[in-house]
Amino acid sequence: MAKKVLIKTQEQQATQAPMLKRVSHNYLPVSNVELASKWYKETLGLTVRPRGSADPAILVLGNGQWLFLLETKEKRTANFLTDQWEGEQYEMFSLTFEVENIVEVHKRIRESGVYVEPISDQGSCGLQFKFKDPDGNKFNVWQDAE
């Protein structure tokens, strides 16, 4: 009897929807909230929500998702090293942004003077490039193959 209950419980768990719906907010470390929010607004066209002087900046992406910019007490980025992506000690990005016009986004970021890699064609995985914001946070930008 106990074995039947266990099997039924495992089947129910396998067919249930995931408990986590989506990522609602992301938090990025920056050295200066004012300068960083200005860069994200001017370079990437993100909306900056009004804030108090001691509050983090809230940036709104095109789908309504929020990015929080928080000043750090010491120099930090959201990047990390891994051997499981593109070789040993690869500096990994924390987020991939989906865009509709990767060429325009690449141009705007490149013109802002930060680190940006060339656009690469990943075939059926679309077009991609990596960049760093003025604080050194590394990101991937992706456009679906159409």
Protein backbone atom coordinates (compact mmCIF):
# COMPACT_ATOMS: atom_id res chain seq x y z
CA MET A 1 0.00 0.00 0.00
CA ALA A 2 2.78 2.43 0.93
CA LYS A 3 4.52 1.67 -2.37
CA LYS A 4 1.36 2.61 -4.36
CA VAL A 5 1.08 5.93 -2.48
CA LEU A 6 4.73 6.71 -3.17
CA ILE A 7 4.35 5.97 -6.88
CA LYS A 8 1.20 8.13 -7.08
CA THR A 9 2.96 11.00 -5.27
CA GLN A 10 5.91 10.83 -7.70
CA GLU A 11 3.53 10.85 -10.69
CA GLN A 12 1.69 13.89 -9.29
CA GLN A 13 4.96 15.75 -8.78
CA ALA A 14 6.05 14.95 -12.33
CA THR A 15 2.84 16.40 -13.82
CA GLN A 16 2.54 19.51 -11.60
CA ALA A 17 3.53 22.89 -12.99
CA PRO A 18 6.83 24.25 -11.63
CA MET A 19 6.41 26.21 -8.42
CA LEU A 20 8.60 29.06 -9.69
CA LYS A 21 6.73 31.11 -12.30
CA ARG A 22 9.42 33.47 -13.68
CA VAL A 23 12.24 35.73 -12.66
CA SER A 24 10.61 38.95 -11.51
CA HIS A 25 13.60 41.07 -10.45
CA ASN A 26 17.35 40.99 -10.88
CA TYR A 27 19.85 42.90 -8.79
CA LEU A 28 23.06 44.34 -10.21
CA PRO A 29 26.00 45.76 -8.27
CA VAL A 30 27.17 49.22 -9.37
CA SER A 31 29.63 51.74 -7.99
CA ASN A 32 27.36 54.77 -8.51
CA VAL A 33 23.58 54.38 -8.91
CA GLU A 34 23.09 57.77 -10.57
CA LEU A 35 25.78 57.26 -13.22
CA ALA A 36 24.78 53.65 -13.88
CA SER A 37 21.06 54.41 -14.24
CA LYS A 38 21.90 57.27 -16.64
CA TRP A 39 24.02 54.89 -18.77
CA TYR A 40 21.28 52.23 -18.91
CA LYS A 41 18.66 54.84 -19.81
CA GLU A 42 20.71 56.64 -22.46
CA THR A 43 22.43 53.62 -23.99
CA LEU A 44 19.74 50.93 -23.77
CA GLY A 45 16.61 53.07 -23.59
CA LEU A 46 15.43 51.56 -20.31
CA THR A 47 12.87 53.41 -18.21
CA VAL A 48 14.16 54.55 -14.81
CA ARG A 49 11.46 54.59 -12.14
CA PRO A 50 11.42 57.58 -9.78
CA ARG A 51 13.30 56.92 -6.54
CA GLY A 52 14.38 58.54 -3.32
CA SER A 53 18.02 59.56 -2.89
CA ALA A 54 18.86 56.52 -0.73
CA ASP A 55 16.90 54.01 -2.84
CA PRO A 56 18.27 51.70 -5.51
CA ALA A 57 17.55 52.55 -9.14
CA ILE A 58 14.82 50.48 -10.73
CA LEU A 59 15.15 49.99 -14.47
CA VAL A 60 12.19 48.67 -16.46
CA LEU A 61 12.79 46.43 -19.47
CA GLY A 62 10.46 46.24 -22.48
CA ASN A 63 8.49 43.32 -21.02
CA GLY A 64 8.02 45.08 -17.68
CA GLN A 65 10.70 43.11 -15.80
CA TRP A 66 12.72 45.15 -13.31
CA LEU A 67 16.48 45.44 -12.87
CA PHE A 68 17.59 46.93 -9.57
CA LEU A 69 20.90 48.80 -9.50
CA LEU A 70 22.40 48.73 -6.01
CA GLU A 71 25.54 50.57 -4.93
CA THR A 72 28.13 48.26 -3.46
CA LYS A 73 30.44 49.09 -0.60
CA GLU A 74 33.37 47.55 -2.48
CA LYS A 75 34.05 46.88 -6.17
CA ARG A 76 31.92 43.89 -7.26
CA THR A 77 30.34 42.56 -10.43
CA ALA A 78 27.70 39.92 -11.10
CA ASN A 79 30.26 37.92 -13.12
CA PHE A 80 31.82 34.65 -12.01
CA LEU A 81 34.51 32.27 -13.26
CA THR A 82 33.66 28.80 -14.56
CA ASP A 83 35.26 25.95 -16.47
CA GLN A 84 31.87 24.77 -17.75
CA TRP A 85 31.16 27.23 -20.54
CA GLU A 86 33.84 28.42 -22.99
CA GLY A 87 37.04 26.94 -21.57
CA GLU A 88 38.89 27.17 -18.31
CA GLN A 89 38.44 30.21 -16.06
CA TYR A 90 35.79 31.71 -18.35
CA GLU A 91 34.32 34.95 -17.02
CA MET A 92 30.61 34.13 -17.16
CA PHE A 93 27.80 36.62 -17.62
CA SER A 94 24.84 36.56 -15.25
CA LEU A 95 22.06 37.57 -17.64
CA THR A 96 21.11 37.24 -21.29
CA PHE A 97 18.94 40.00 -22.74
CA GLU A 98 16.64 39.20 -25.65
CA VAL A 99 16.37 41.93 -28.29
CA GLU A 100 14.55 42.47 -31.58
CA ASN A 101 17.27 44.48 -33.38
CA ILE A 102 20.66 43.17 -32.30
CA VAL A 103 22.56 45.30 -34.83
CA GLU A 104 21.13 48.54 -33.41
CA VAL A 105 21.70 47.45 -29.80
CA HIS A 106 25.29 46.46 -30.62
CA LYS A 107 25.90 49.84 -32.29
CA ARG A 108 24.52 51.82 -29.32
CA ILE A 109 26.54 49.86 -26.77
CA ARG A 110 29.71 50.09 -28.87
CA GLU A 111 29.24 53.87 -29.21
CA SER A 112 28.98 54.21 -25.41
CA GLY A 113 32.64 53.18 -25.15
CA VAL A 114 32.31 50.02 -23.01
CA TYR A 115 33.72 46.55 -23.70
CA VAL A 116 31.69 44.83 -26.43
CA GLU A 117 32.40 41.70 -28.48
CA PRO A 118 31.45 41.28 -32.15
CA ILE A 119 28.05 39.81 -33.04
CA SER A 120 28.30 36.07 -33.66
CA ASP A 121 25.88 33.96 -35.68
CA GLN A 122 25.00 30.84 -33.69
CA GLY A 123 22.90 29.31 -36.50
CA SER A 124 19.58 28.02 -35.17
CA CYS A 125 20.45 29.55 -31.76
CA GLY A 126 20.32 33.06 -33.24
CA LEU A 127 22.68 36.01 -33.05
CA GLN A 128 24.58 36.90 -29.88
CA PHE A 129 27.21 39.20 -28.44
CA LYS A 130 28.61 39.95 -25.01
CA PHE A 131 29.28 43.32 -23.40
CA LYS A 132 30.14 44.88 -20.06
CA ASP A 133 28.43 47.86 -18.48
CA PRO A 134 30.61 50.72 -17.12
CA ASP A 135 30.97 48.81 -13.80
CA GLY A 136 32.21 45.65 -15.52
CA ASN A 137 29.02 43.58 -15.21
CA LYS A 138 29.09 41.19 -18.17
CA PHE A 139 25.95 40.36 -20.17
CA ASN A 140 24.93 38.38 -23.21
CA VAL A 141 22.59 39.83 -25.83
CA TRP A 142 20.56 37.44 -27.97
CA GLN A 143 18.23 37.70 -30.96
CA ASP A 144 16.24 34.64 -31.98
CA ALA A 145 16.94 33.11 -35.38
CA GLU A 146 14.03 34.01 -37.64
